[in-house]
C-alpha atoms as a PDB file:
ATOM      1  CA  MET A   1       0.124   0.001   0.563  1.00  0.00           C
ATOM      2  CA  PRO A   2       1.213   2.799  -0.955  1.00  0.00           C
ATOM      3  CA  LYS A   3       2.403   5.283   2.487  1.00  0.00           C
ATOM      4  CA  PHE A   4       2.773   9.571   1.679  1.00  0.00           C
ATOM      5  CA  LEU A   5       3.682  12.146   3.933  1.00  0.00           C
ATOM      6  CA  ALA A   6       4.807  15.835   4.240  1.00  0.00           C
ATOM      7  CA  TRP A   7       8.344  16.429   3.804  1.00  0.00           C
ATOM      8  CA  ARG A   8       8.860  17.806   7.353  1.00  0.00           C
ATOM      9  CA  SER A   9       8.400  14.361   8.618  1.00  0.00           C
ATOM     10  CA  ARG A  10      10.823  13.025   6.818  1.00  0.00           C
ATOM     11  CA  ARG A  11      13.268  12.545  10.876  1.00  0.00           C
ATOM     12  CA  HIS A  12      10.882  10.536  12.086  1.00  0.00           C
ATOM     13  CA  VAL A  13      11.195   7.727   9.072  1.00  0.00           C
ATOM     14  CA  PRO A  14      13.709   5.284  10.631  1.00  0.00           C
ATOM     15  CA  ALA A  15      17.045   5.318   8.239  1.00  0.00           C
ATOM     16  CA  ASP A  16      17.891   1.660   7.430  1.00  0.00           C
ATOM     17  CA  LEU A  17      14.230   1.512   6.068  1.00  0.00           C
ATOM     18  CA  PRO A  18      13.658  -1.000   2.743  1.00  0.00           C
ATOM     19  CA  VAL A  19      13.380   0.485  -0.265  1.00  0.00           C
ATOM     20  CA  SER A  20       9.415  -0.741  -0.291  1.00  0.00           C
ATOM     21  CA  ASP A  21       8.499   0.877   3.219  1.00  0.00           C
ATOM     22  CA  LEU A  22       9.651   4.145   2.149  1.00  0.00           C
ATOM     23  CA  PRO A  23       7.131   6.160   2.377  1.00  0.00           C
ATOM     24  CA  THR A  24       6.433   9.080  -0.300  1.00  0.00           C
ATOM     25  CA  PHE A  25       6.729  12.458   0.324  1.00  0.00           C
ATOM     26  CA  ILE A  26       4.814  15.769  -0.620  1.00  0.00           C
ATOM     27  CA  TYR A  27       5.865  19.092  -0.100  1.00  0.00           C
ATOM     28  CA  THR A  28       2.520  20.562   1.697  1.00  0.00           C
ATOM     29  CA  SER A  29       2.002  23.644   2.473  1.00  0.00           C
ATOM     30  CA  TYR A  30      -0.451  26.008   4.583  1.00  0.00           C
ATOM     31  CA  THR A  31      -0.658  29.005   1.724  1.00  0.00           C
ATOM     32  CA  GLY A  32      -3.268  28.876  -0.368  1.00  0.00           C
ATOM     33  CA  PRO A  33      -6.587  27.945  -0.956  1.00  0.00           C
ATOM     34  CA  ARG A  34      -5.777  25.938  -3.884  1.00  0.00           C
ATOM     35  CA  PHE A  35      -7.136  22.494  -4.377  1.00  0.00           C
ATOM     36  CA  SER A  36      -3.522  20.968  -6.087  1.00  0.00           C
ATOM     37  CA  ARG A  37      -4.969  18.809  -9.079  1.00  0.00           C
ATOM     38  CA  ASP A  38      -0.583  17.271  -9.344  1.00  0.00           C
ATOM     39  CA  VAL A  39       0.940  16.431  -5.956  1.00  0.00           C
ATOM     40  CA  ARG A  40       4.480  16.658  -7.263  1.00  0.00           C
ATOM     41  CA  GLY A  41       4.328  20.281  -6.885  1.00  0.00           C
ATOM     42  CA  ARG A  42       3.027  21.799  -3.599  1.00  0.00           C
ATOM     43  CA  VAL A  43       0.030  20.034  -2.185  1.00  0.00           C
ATOM     44  CA  TRP A  44      -2.344  22.859   0.124  1.00  0.00           C
ATOM     45  CA  GLU A  45      -3.164  21.201   3.425  1.00  0.00           C
ATOM     46  CA  GLY A  46      -5.869  22.909   4.049  1.00  0.00           C
ATOM     47  CA  ALA A  47      -5.483  21.952   7.745  1.00  0.00           C
ATOM     48  CA  THR A  48      -7.488  18.204   7.371  1.00  0.00           C
ATOM     49  CA  VAL A  49      -5.502  15.470   6.264  1.00  0.00           C
ATOM     50  CA  THR A  50      -8.905  15.116   3.958  1.00  0.00           C
ATOM     51  CA  ASN A  51      -8.042  17.981   1.949  1.00  0.00           C
ATOM     52  CA  VAL A  52      -4.647  16.279   1.446  1.00  0.00           C
ATOM     53  CA  ALA A  53      -6.121  12.818   0.872  1.00  0.00           C
ATOM     54  CA  LEU A  54      -8.890  14.365  -1.490  1.00  0.00           C
ATOM     55  CA  GLN A  55      -5.849  16.081  -4.060  1.00  0.00           C
ATOM     56  CA  ILE A  56      -3.338  12.613  -3.944  1.00  0.00           C
ATOM     57  CA  ALA A  57      -6.713  10.220  -4.690  1.00  0.00           C
ATOM     58  CA  PHE A  58      -7.302  13.046  -7.351  1.00  0.00           C
ATOM     59  CA  HIS A  59      -3.246  13.310  -8.454  1.00  0.00           C
ATOM     60  CA  MET A  60      -3.956   8.752  -8.907  1.00  0.00           C
ATOM     61  CA  GLY A  61      -7.084   9.179 -11.040  1.00  0.00           C
ATOM     62  CA  PHE A  62      -9.528   8.595  -8.342  1.00  0.00           C
ATOM     63  CA  GLN A  63     -12.948   9.794 -10.086  1.00  0.00           C
ATOM     64  CA  GLN A  64     -16.287   8.798  -7.055  1.00  0.00           C
END
């Protein structure tokens, strides 16, 4: 299962994790508001994990 973490949380990821267990880091921001259609750039947090999850799902191609 893919794991996503904010880049600023990288210090909490053990350095000896196998590559297959590494999360995908995303750059999150509180500036906005703006819905990001491409999470390879900045993702607006909107003060809720649900908002970030919706943006990631959209980027991955989910429509419903």
